[in-house]
Amino acid sequence: MIEATIRIALQNFPLTSLVLGFAVAAVAILRAPHPTSGARVAEKLLAWHVFFVIGVGNLYNFVVHAFFGEMVARFIGWADSPFQFEVAVASLGFSAVGFLAAFRSFDMRLAAILGPSLFLLGAAGGHAYQMIAAHNFAPGNAGTVFYTDIFLPLIGAFLLWLWHRTAGRGATPA
């Protein structure tokens, strides 16, 4: 049971990182001074989203593509390729920016979300093409990864908008 749960969490790590971010944000919101404002709730949701989804999620992506490339390629339904290392290094860059921006300004968080979001939306397009043209319905191409490639950028954009709307663009993190 535990082994199966860990396998599912690791094979669906974008979703796992999203859930972890929301869980830690919920704890941070509950521990915040009361009454808790909407701005503080938005701040915590955004901060922990950037930390986990962008920082931790892309660090995980770096590790699996750099050190377990053949396994990842099979999971996606592709042949192993030297391009995997390029994806790994790009993910490492996104991760570094995510960790740097998690508890910083709106502009830094926008930058941390924008780059990976464009990458994920492009990857979703590539996955859709592979499903249509090559009938590739491998779990790493057509499974949870495909949907998180679409929804993580939307969630990030929504959290940025929410924080901007409640706290103001010049607000400092709470």
N, C-alpha and C. Protein backbone atom coordinates (compact mmCIF):
# COMPACT_ATOMS: atom_id res chain seq x y z
N MET A 1 0.82 -1.20 0.00
CA MET A 1 0.00 0.00 0.00
C MET A 1 0.87 1.27 0.00
N ILE A 2 1.85 1.31 0.88
CA ILE A 2 2.73 2.48 0.97
C ILE A 2 3.55 2.61 -0.31
N GLU A 3 4.06 1.48 -0.79
CA GLU A 3 4.86 1.50 -2.03
C GLU A 3 4.03 2.00 -3.21
N ALA A 4 2.79 1.55 -3.29
CA ALA A 4 1.91 1.99 -4.39
C ALA A 4 1.61 3.49 -4.28
N THR A 5 1.40 3.99 -3.08
CA THR A 5 1.13 5.41 -2.86
C THR A 5 2.34 6.25 -3.26
N ILE A 6 3.52 5.82 -2.88
CA ILE A 6 4.75 6.55 -3.24
C ILE A 6 4.93 6.53 -4.76
N ARG A 7 4.70 5.38 -5.38
CA ARG A 7 4.84 5.29 -6.84
C ARG A 7 3.88 6.25 -7.53
N ILE A 8 2.63 6.28 -7.09
CA ILE A 8 1.64 7.20 -7.70
C ILE A 8 2.05 8.65 -7.49
N ALA A 9 2.51 8.97 -6.28
CA ALA A 9 2.93 10.35 -5.99
C ALA A 9 4.11 10.77 -6.86
N LEU A 10 5.06 9.87 -7.07
CA LEU A 10 6.23 10.21 -7.88
C LEU A 10 5.93 10.22 -9.37
N GLN A 11 5.06 9.34 -9.83
CA GLN A 11 4.70 9.33 -11.25
C GLN A 11 3.80 10.50 -11.63
N ASN A 12 3.17 11.09 -10.65
CA ASN A 12 2.28 12.23 -10.87
C ASN A 12 2.78 13.43 -10.08
N PHE A 13 4.10 13.65 -10.11
CA PHE A 13 4.69 14.66 -9.24
C PHE A 13 4.17 16.07 -9.46
N PRO A 14 3.82 16.49 -10.67
CA PRO A 14 3.24 17.83 -10.77
C PRO A 14 1.98 17.98 -9.91
N LEU A 15 1.14 16.97 -9.89
CA LEU A 15 -0.06 17.00 -9.05
C LEU A 15 0.32 16.91 -7.58
N THR A 16 1.30 16.08 -7.27
CA THR A 16 1.78 15.95 -5.89
C THR A 16 2.30 17.28 -5.38
N SER A 17 3.08 17.99 -6.19
CA SER A 17 3.63 19.28 -5.75
C SER A 17 2.52 20.31 -5.56
N LEU A 18 1.49 20.25 -6.39
CA LEU A 18 0.35 21.16 -6.23
C LEU A 18 -0.37 20.89 -4.91
N VAL A 19 -0.61 19.64 -4.61
CA VAL A 19 -1.29 19.27 -3.36
C VAL A 19 -0.44 19.65 -2.15
N LEU A 20 0.87 19.40 -2.23
CA LEU A 20 1.75 19.79 -1.12
C LEU A 20 1.72 21.30 -0.90
N GLY A 21 1.75 22.06 -1.99
CA GLY A 21 1.69 23.51 -1.87
C GLY A 21 0.41 23.99 -1.20
N PHE A 22 -0.71 23.43 -1.60
CA PHE A 22 -1.98 23.81 -0.98
C PHE A 22 -2.03 23.38 0.48
N ALA A 23 -1.49 22.20 0.80
CA ALA A 23 -1.51 21.71 2.18
C ALA A 23 -0.66 22.60 3.09
N VAL A 24 0.54 22.94 2.64
CA VAL A 24 1.41 23.80 3.46
C VAL A 24 0.81 25.20 3.55
N ALA A 25 0.22 25.70 2.48
CA ALA A 25 -0.44 27.01 2.53
C ALA A 25 -1.58 26.99 3.54
N ALA A 26 -2.34 25.91 3.57
CA ALA A 26 -3.46 25.81 4.54
C ALA A 26 -2.94 25.88 5.97
N VAL A 27 -1.84 25.18 6.24
CA VAL A 27 -1.24 25.24 7.59
C VAL A 27 -0.75 26.65 7.88
N ALA A 28 -0.10 27.29 6.93
CA ALA A 28 0.40 28.66 7.12
C ALA A 28 -0.75 29.63 7.36
N ILE A 29 -1.85 29.44 6.66
CA ILE A 29 -3.03 30.31 6.85
C ILE A 29 -3.62 30.10 8.25
N LEU A 30 -3.72 28.86 8.66
CA LEU A 30 -4.26 28.55 9.99
C LEU A 30 -3.36 29.09 11.10
N ARG A 31 -2.06 29.15 10.85
CA ARG A 31 -1.11 29.63 11.87
C ARG A 31 -0.94 31.14 11.83
N ALA A 32 -1.46 31.81 10.83
CA ALA A 32 -1.31 33.26 10.69
C ALA A 32 -2.14 33.96 11.76
N PRO A 33 -1.73 35.19 12.15
CA PRO A 33 -2.51 35.95 13.12
C PRO A 33 -3.94 36.16 12.63
N HIS A 34 -4.86 36.08 13.55
CA HIS A 34 -6.28 36.25 13.21
C HIS A 34 -6.75 37.62 13.63
N PRO A 35 -7.68 38.23 12.97
CA PRO A 35 -8.36 37.68 11.80
C PRO A 35 -7.43 37.69 10.59
N THR A 36 -7.58 36.68 9.76
CA THR A 36 -6.75 36.54 8.57
C THR A 36 -7.44 37.24 7.41
N SER A 37 -6.72 38.12 6.75
CA SER A 37 -7.27 38.88 5.63
C SER A 37 -7.22 38.06 4.34
N GLY A 38 -8.02 38.48 3.38
CA GLY A 38 -7.98 37.86 2.07
C GLY A 38 -6.62 38.01 1.43
N ALA A 39 -5.97 39.14 1.67
CA ALA A 39 -4.64 39.37 1.12
C ALA A 39 -3.64 38.37 1.69
N ARG A 40 -3.75 38.08 2.97
CA ARG A 40 -2.83 37.12 3.59
C ARG A 40 -3.07 35.71 3.07
N VAL A 41 -4.33 35.35 2.87
CA VAL A 41 -4.66 34.04 2.31
C VAL A 41 -4.08 33.92 0.90
N ALA A 42 -4.30 34.94 0.08
CA ALA A 42 -3.77 34.93 -1.29
C ALA A 42 -2.25 34.86 -1.28
N GLU A 43 -1.63 35.61 -0.39
CA GLU A 43 -0.16 35.61 -0.27
C GLU A 43 0.36 34.22 0.06
N LYS A 44 -0.23 33.56 1.03
CA LYS A 44 0.23 32.22 1.42
C LYS A 44 0.01 31.21 0.30
N LEU A 45 -1.14 31.26 -0.34
CA LEU A 45 -1.41 30.35 -1.45
C LEU A 45 -0.39 30.53 -2.56
N LEU A 46 -0.11 31.77 -2.92
CA LEU A 46 0.83 32.05 -4.00
C LEU A 46 2.26 31.66 -3.61
N ALA A 47 2.68 32.04 -2.41
CA ALA A 47 4.05 31.75 -1.97
C ALA A 47 4.33 30.25 -2.00
N TRP A 48 3.43 29.48 -1.42
CA TRP A 48 3.68 28.04 -1.34
C TRP A 48 3.45 27.35 -2.67
N HIS A 49 2.63 27.92 -3.54
CA HIS A 49 2.50 27.41 -4.91
C HIS A 49 3.83 27.58 -5.64
N VAL A 50 4.40 28.76 -5.57
CA VAL A 50 5.67 29.01 -6.25
C VAL A 50 6.75 28.11 -5.65
N PHE A 51 6.79 27.98 -4.34
CA PHE A 51 7.81 27.15 -3.70
C PHE A 51 7.71 25.69 -4.14
N PHE A 52 6.50 25.12 -4.05
CA PHE A 52 6.36 23.69 -4.34
C PHE A 52 6.22 23.38 -5.83
N VAL A 53 5.31 24.06 -6.52
CA VAL A 53 5.06 23.72 -7.92
C VAL A 53 6.25 24.14 -8.79
N ILE A 54 6.75 25.33 -8.59
CA ILE A 54 7.85 25.81 -9.43
C ILE A 54 9.20 25.34 -8.87
N GLY A 55 9.46 25.59 -7.60
CA GLY A 55 10.75 25.23 -7.01
C GLY A 55 10.97 23.73 -6.89
N VAL A 56 10.16 23.08 -6.07
CA VAL A 56 10.33 21.65 -5.82
C VAL A 56 9.99 20.82 -7.06
N GLY A 57 8.88 21.18 -7.73
CA GLY A 57 8.46 20.42 -8.91
C GLY A 57 9.51 20.41 -10.01
N ASN A 58 10.12 21.55 -10.26
CA ASN A 58 11.15 21.60 -11.30
C ASN A 58 12.47 21.00 -10.84
N LEU A 59 12.75 21.02 -9.54
CA LEU A 59 13.93 20.32 -9.03
C LEU A 59 13.75 18.81 -9.24
N TYR A 60 12.56 18.31 -8.95
CA TYR A 60 12.26 16.90 -9.21
C TYR A 60 12.42 16.58 -10.70
N ASN A 61 11.89 17.46 -11.55
CA ASN A 61 12.01 17.26 -12.99
C ASN A 61 13.47 17.23 -13.42
N PHE A 62 14.29 18.10 -12.84
CA PHE A 62 15.73 18.08 -13.12
C PHE A 62 16.32 16.72 -12.76
N VAL A 63 16.05 16.24 -11.57
CA VAL A 63 16.64 14.98 -11.11
C VAL A 63 16.23 13.82 -12.01
N VAL A 64 14.93 13.70 -12.30
CA VAL A 64 14.50 12.53 -13.09
C VAL A 64 15.00 12.59 -14.53
N HIS A 65 15.02 13.78 -15.13
CA HIS A 65 15.51 13.88 -16.51
C HIS A 65 17.03 13.76 -16.60
N ALA A 66 17.75 14.25 -15.60
CA ALA A 66 19.22 14.20 -15.63
C ALA A 66 19.76 12.83 -15.26
N PHE A 67 19.13 12.17 -14.30
CA PHE A 67 19.70 10.94 -13.76
C PHE A 67 18.91 9.67 -14.07
N PHE A 68 17.67 9.83 -14.49
CA PHE A 68 16.83 8.68 -14.81
C PHE A 68 16.16 8.87 -16.17
N GLY A 69 16.91 9.42 -17.11
CA GLY A 69 16.38 9.79 -18.41
C GLY A 69 15.75 8.64 -19.17
N GLU A 70 16.38 7.48 -19.15
CA GLU A 70 15.84 6.33 -19.88
C GLU A 70 14.47 5.92 -19.31
N MET A 71 14.35 5.92 -18.00
CA MET A 71 13.08 5.57 -17.35
C MET A 71 12.00 6.60 -17.70
N VAL A 72 12.36 7.88 -17.66
CA VAL A 72 11.40 8.94 -17.97
C VAL A 72 10.96 8.85 -19.42
N ALA A 73 11.90 8.59 -20.32
CA ALA A 73 11.55 8.47 -21.74
C ALA A 73 10.54 7.34 -21.94
N ARG A 74 10.76 6.20 -21.29
CA ARG A 74 9.79 5.10 -21.40
C ARG A 74 8.42 5.51 -20.86
N PHE A 75 8.41 6.24 -19.74
CA PHE A 75 7.16 6.69 -19.11
C PHE A 75 6.39 7.62 -20.05
N ILE A 76 7.12 8.46 -20.79
CA ILE A 76 6.49 9.39 -21.73
C ILE A 76 6.12 8.68 -23.04
N GLY A 77 6.77 7.56 -23.31
CA GLY A 77 6.51 6.84 -24.55
C GLY A 77 7.42 7.29 -25.67
N TRP A 78 8.59 7.81 -25.31
CA TRP A 78 9.56 8.29 -26.28
C TRP A 78 10.84 7.48 -26.18
N ALA A 79 11.70 7.64 -27.17
CA ALA A 79 13.05 7.06 -27.10
C ALA A 79 13.91 7.97 -26.23
N ASP A 80 14.87 7.39 -25.54
CA ASP A 80 15.81 8.18 -24.74
C ASP A 80 16.60 9.08 -25.70
N SER A 81 16.97 10.26 -25.22
CA SER A 81 17.62 11.24 -26.08
C SER A 81 18.52 12.14 -25.25
N PRO A 82 19.60 12.66 -25.83
CA PRO A 82 20.43 13.64 -25.13
C PRO A 82 19.64 14.92 -24.80
N PHE A 83 18.53 15.12 -25.48
CA PHE A 83 17.69 16.29 -25.20
C PHE A 83 17.17 16.28 -23.76
N GLN A 84 17.10 15.09 -23.18
CA GLN A 84 16.62 14.99 -21.79
C GLN A 84 17.47 15.84 -20.85
N PHE A 85 18.77 15.87 -21.09
CA PHE A 85 19.63 16.66 -20.22
C PHE A 85 19.35 18.15 -20.39
N GLU A 86 19.00 18.56 -21.59
CA GLU A 86 18.65 19.97 -21.82
C GLU A 86 17.37 20.32 -21.06
N VAL A 87 16.39 19.43 -21.08
CA VAL A 87 15.15 19.63 -20.30
C VAL A 87 15.51 19.69 -18.81
N ALA A 88 16.42 18.81 -18.40
CA ALA A 88 16.83 18.79 -16.99
C ALA A 88 17.42 20.13 -16.56
N VAL A 89 18.33 20.66 -17.36
CA VAL A 89 18.99 21.91 -17.00
C VAL A 89 18.01 23.09 -17.03
N ALA A 90 17.11 23.10 -18.00
CA ALA A 90 16.07 24.14 -18.02
C ALA A 90 15.22 24.05 -16.75
N SER A 91 14.87 22.84 -16.36
CA SER A 91 14.08 22.64 -15.14
C SER A 91 14.85 23.12 -13.91
N LEU A 92 16.15 22.89 -13.88
CA LEU A 92 16.96 23.36 -12.76
C LEU A 92 16.93 24.89 -12.69
N GLY A 93 16.99 25.55 -13.84
CA GLY A 93 16.89 27.01 -13.86
C GLY A 93 15.55 27.49 -13.36
N PHE A 94 14.47 26.87 -13.81
CA PHE A 94 13.13 27.23 -13.33
C PHE A 94 13.03 27.02 -11.82
N SER A 95 13.61 25.92 -11.35
CA SER A 95 13.58 25.61 -9.92
C SER A 95 14.29 26.69 -9.10
N ALA A 96 15.47 27.08 -9.55
CA ALA A 96 16.23 28.11 -8.82
C ALA A 96 15.44 29.40 -8.73
N VAL A 97 14.83 29.81 -9.83
CA VAL A 97 14.02 31.04 -9.83
C VAL A 97 12.80 30.87 -8.90
N GLY A 98 12.20 29.69 -8.92
CA GLY A 98 11.05 29.44 -8.04
C GLY A 98 11.41 29.57 -6.58
N PHE A 99 12.53 28.96 -6.18
CA PHE A 99 12.95 29.06 -4.77
C PHE A 99 13.30 30.50 -4.42
N LEU A 100 13.94 31.21 -5.33
CA LEU A 100 14.32 32.60 -5.09
C LEU A 100 13.08 33.50 -4.95
N ALA A 101 12.06 33.25 -5.76
CA ALA A 101 10.90 34.14 -5.84
C ALA A 101 9.77 33.80 -4.87
N ALA A 102 9.77 32.63 -4.29
CA ALA A 102 8.61 32.14 -3.52
C ALA A 102 8.11 33.14 -2.49
N PHE A 103 9.00 33.79 -1.79
CA PHE A 103 8.59 34.68 -0.70
C PHE A 103 8.99 36.13 -0.98
N ARG A 104 8.97 36.48 -2.27
CA ARG A 104 9.39 37.82 -2.68
C ARG A 104 8.24 38.60 -3.28
N SER A 105 8.57 39.51 -4.17
CA SER A 105 7.61 40.46 -4.73
C SER A 105 6.72 39.83 -5.80
N PHE A 106 5.67 40.57 -6.15
CA PHE A 106 4.78 40.16 -7.23
C PHE A 106 5.56 39.93 -8.53
N ASP A 107 6.43 40.88 -8.87
CA ASP A 107 7.18 40.78 -10.12
C ASP A 107 8.06 39.54 -10.17
N MET A 108 8.70 39.21 -9.06
CA MET A 108 9.55 38.01 -9.04
C MET A 108 8.70 36.76 -9.18
N ARG A 109 7.56 36.75 -8.51
CA ARG A 109 6.68 35.58 -8.61
C ARG A 109 6.09 35.46 -10.02
N LEU A 110 5.77 36.57 -10.63
CA LEU A 110 5.30 36.56 -12.01
C LEU A 110 6.35 35.94 -12.92
N ALA A 111 7.61 36.36 -12.75
CA ALA A 111 8.69 35.81 -13.57
C ALA A 111 8.87 34.32 -13.30
N ALA A 112 8.75 33.92 -12.03
CA ALA A 112 8.92 32.51 -11.68
C ALA A 112 7.82 31.64 -12.28
N ILE A 113 6.63 32.16 -12.42
CA ILE A 113 5.51 31.39 -12.96
C ILE A 113 5.48 31.45 -14.48
N LEU A 114 5.86 32.58 -15.06
CA LEU A 114 5.73 32.78 -16.50
C LEU A 114 6.56 31.80 -17.33
N GLY A 115 7.85 31.68 -17.04
CA GLY A 115 8.71 30.79 -17.83
C GLY A 115 8.24 29.35 -17.81
N PRO A 116 8.07 28.75 -16.62
CA PRO A 116 7.60 27.37 -16.59
C PRO A 116 6.20 27.20 -17.20
N SER A 117 5.35 28.22 -17.07
CA SER A 117 4.01 28.12 -17.64
C SER A 117 4.06 28.02 -19.16
N LEU A 118 4.91 28.83 -19.78
CA LEU A 118 5.06 28.75 -21.23
C LEU A 118 5.61 27.39 -21.64
N PHE A 119 6.58 26.90 -20.87
CA PHE A 119 7.14 25.58 -21.15
C PHE A 119 6.05 24.50 -21.03
N LEU A 120 5.27 24.54 -19.95
CA LEU A 120 4.23 23.53 -19.73
C LEU A 120 3.15 23.58 -20.80
N LEU A 121 2.72 24.77 -21.18
CA LEU A 121 1.70 24.87 -22.22
C LEU A 121 2.24 24.37 -23.56
N GLY A 122 3.50 24.65 -23.84
CA GLY A 122 4.12 24.11 -25.05
C GLY A 122 4.23 22.60 -24.98
N ALA A 123 4.58 22.08 -23.81
CA ALA A 123 4.65 20.63 -23.63
C ALA A 123 3.27 20.00 -23.82
N ALA A 124 2.22 20.65 -23.30
CA ALA A 124 0.86 20.14 -23.49
C ALA A 124 0.52 20.05 -24.97
N GLY A 125 0.92 21.07 -25.72
CA GLY A 125 0.70 21.04 -27.17
C GLY A 125 1.46 19.88 -27.81
N GLY A 126 2.69 19.66 -27.38
CA GLY A 126 3.48 18.54 -27.88
C GLY A 126 2.85 17.20 -27.52
N HIS A 127 2.34 17.09 -26.30
CA HIS A 127 1.68 15.85 -25.89
C HIS A 127 0.42 15.61 -26.73
N ALA A 128 -0.36 16.66 -26.94
CA ALA A 128 -1.58 16.52 -27.75
C ALA A 128 -1.22 16.08 -29.17
N TYR A 129 -0.19 16.68 -29.73
CA TYR A 129 0.25 16.29 -31.07
C TYR A 129 0.65 14.81 -31.09
N GLN A 130 1.40 14.38 -30.08
CA GLN A 130 1.83 12.98 -30.01
C GLN A 130 0.64 12.02 -29.86
N MET A 131 -0.39 12.46 -29.13
CA MET A 131 -1.58 11.62 -29.00
C MET A 131 -2.29 11.47 -30.35
N ILE A 132 -2.36 12.56 -31.10
CA ILE A 132 -3.07 12.55 -32.38
C ILE A 132 -2.23 11.90 -33.48
N ALA A 133 -0.99 12.35 -33.63
CA ALA A 133 -0.17 11.89 -34.76
C ALA A 133 0.44 10.51 -34.54
N ALA A 134 0.90 10.23 -33.31
CA ALA A 134 1.61 8.98 -33.06
C ALA A 134 0.81 8.01 -32.20
N HIS A 135 -0.41 8.40 -31.83
CA HIS A 135 -1.26 7.56 -30.95
C HIS A 135 -0.51 7.18 -29.67
N ASN A 136 0.25 8.14 -29.14
CA ASN A 136 1.03 7.91 -27.93
C ASN A 136 0.16 8.26 -26.72
N PHE A 137 -0.36 7.23 -26.08
CA PHE A 137 -1.18 7.42 -24.90
C PHE A 137 -0.49 6.86 -23.66
N ALA A 138 0.84 6.89 -23.66
CA ALA A 138 1.62 6.47 -22.48
C ALA A 138 1.25 7.39 -21.31
N PRO A 139 1.32 6.87 -20.07
CA PRO A 139 0.93 7.69 -18.91
C PRO A 139 1.66 9.03 -18.81
N GLY A 140 2.93 9.08 -19.20
CA GLY A 140 3.69 10.32 -19.13
C GLY A 140 3.42 11.27 -20.27
N ASN A 141 2.60 10.84 -21.23
CA ASN A 141 2.25 11.71 -22.35
C ASN A 141 0.78 12.11 -22.29
N ALA A 142 -0.09 11.16 -21.97
CA ALA A 142 -1.53 11.41 -22.03
C ALA A 142 -2.20 11.33 -20.67
N GLY A 143 -1.45 11.08 -19.62
CA GLY A 143 -2.05 10.93 -18.29
C GLY A 143 -2.12 12.25 -17.54
N THR A 144 -1.93 12.16 -16.25
CA THR A 144 -2.00 13.33 -15.36
C THR A 144 -1.05 14.43 -15.82
N VAL A 145 0.11 14.06 -16.33
CA VAL A 145 1.10 15.04 -16.77
C VAL A 145 0.50 15.98 -17.82
N PHE A 146 -0.24 15.44 -18.76
CA PHE A 146 -0.86 16.26 -19.80
C PHE A 146 -1.79 17.30 -19.18
N TYR A 147 -2.63 16.87 -18.25
CA TYR A 147 -3.60 17.79 -17.64
C TYR A 147 -2.92 18.81 -16.74
N THR A 148 -1.90 18.40 -16.00
CA THR A 148 -1.21 19.38 -15.16
C THR A 148 -0.41 20.37 -16.00
N ASP A 149 0.03 19.94 -17.19
CA ASP A 149 0.71 20.88 -18.09
C ASP A 149 -0.23 22.04 -18.49
N ILE A 150 -1.51 21.80 -18.46
CA ILE A 150 -2.50 22.83 -18.80
C ILE A 150 -2.94 23.58 -17.54
N PHE A 151 -3.26 22.83 -16.48
CA PHE A 151 -3.88 23.46 -15.32
C PHE A 151 -2.90 24.16 -14.38
N LEU A 152 -1.66 23.71 -14.27
CA LEU A 152 -0.72 24.41 -13.39
C LEU A 152 -0.48 25.86 -13.84
N PRO A 153 -0.29 26.14 -15.13
CA PRO A 153 -0.17 27.54 -15.54
C PRO A 153 -1.43 28.35 -15.23
N LEU A 154 -2.60 27.74 -15.41
CA LEU A 154 -3.85 28.46 -15.11
C LEU A 154 -3.98 28.74 -13.62
N ILE A 155 -3.62 27.78 -12.79
CA ILE A 155 -3.68 27.98 -11.34
C ILE A 155 -2.69 29.04 -10.92
N GLY A 156 -1.47 29.00 -11.47
CA GLY A 156 -0.46 30.02 -11.15
C GLY A 156 -0.95 31.41 -11.54
N ALA A 157 -1.53 31.53 -12.73
CA ALA A 157 -2.05 32.83 -13.19
C ALA A 157 -3.18 33.31 -12.28
N PHE A 158 -4.05 32.38 -11.89
CA PHE A 158 -5.15 32.75 -10.99
C PHE A 158 -4.61 33.23 -9.64
N LEU A 159 -3.64 32.54 -9.08
CA LEU A 159 -3.09 32.95 -7.78
C LEU A 159 -2.37 34.29 -7.87
N LEU A 160 -1.67 34.53 -8.98
CA LEU A 160 -1.06 35.85 -9.18
C LEU A 160 -2.13 36.93 -9.23
N TRP A 161 -3.17 36.68 -10.01
CA TRP A 161 -4.27 37.63 -10.12
C TRP A 161 -4.91 37.87 -8.75
N LEU A 162 -5.15 36.80 -8.00
CA LEU A 162 -5.80 36.91 -6.69
C LEU A 162 -4.96 37.75 -5.74
N TRP A 163 -3.65 37.50 -5.71
CA TRP A 163 -2.79 38.27 -4.82
C TRP A 163 -2.73 39.72 -5.26
N HIS A 164 -2.62 39.94 -6.55
CA HIS A 164 -2.57 41.31 -7.09
C HIS A 164 -3.86 42.05 -6.73
N ARG A 165 -4.98 41.37 -6.85
CA ARG A 165 -6.29 41.98 -6.59
C ARG A 165 -6.49 42.28 -5.10
N THR A 166 -6.06 41.39 -4.23
CA THR A 166 -6.31 41.56 -2.79
C THR A 166 -5.23 42.37 -2.09
N ALA A 167 -3.98 42.22 -2.51
CA ALA A 167 -2.90 42.88 -1.79
C ALA A 167 -2.33 44.09 -2.51
N GLY A 168 -2.56 44.17 -3.78
CA GLY A 168 -2.00 45.28 -4.55
C GLY A 168 -0.65 44.91 -5.10
N ARG A 169 -0.32 45.46 -6.25
CA ARG A 169 0.90 45.08 -6.97
C ARG A 169 2.15 45.39 -6.19
N GLY A 170 2.16 46.42 -5.40
CA GLY A 170 3.37 46.79 -4.66
C GLY A 170 3.47 46.16 -3.29
N ALA A 171 2.54 45.28 -2.97
CA ALA A 171 2.52 44.68 -1.62
C ALA A 171 3.75 43.82 -1.39
N THR A 172 4.19 43.83 -0.16
CA THR A 172 5.28 42.94 0.24
C THR A 172 4.66 41.68 0.81
N PRO A 173 5.34 40.56 0.67
CA PRO A 173 4.81 39.30 1.21
C PRO A 173 4.58 39.38 2.70
N ALA A 174 3.50 38.73 3.13
CA ALA A 174 3.15 38.73 4.57
C ALA A 174 3.91 37.65 5.30
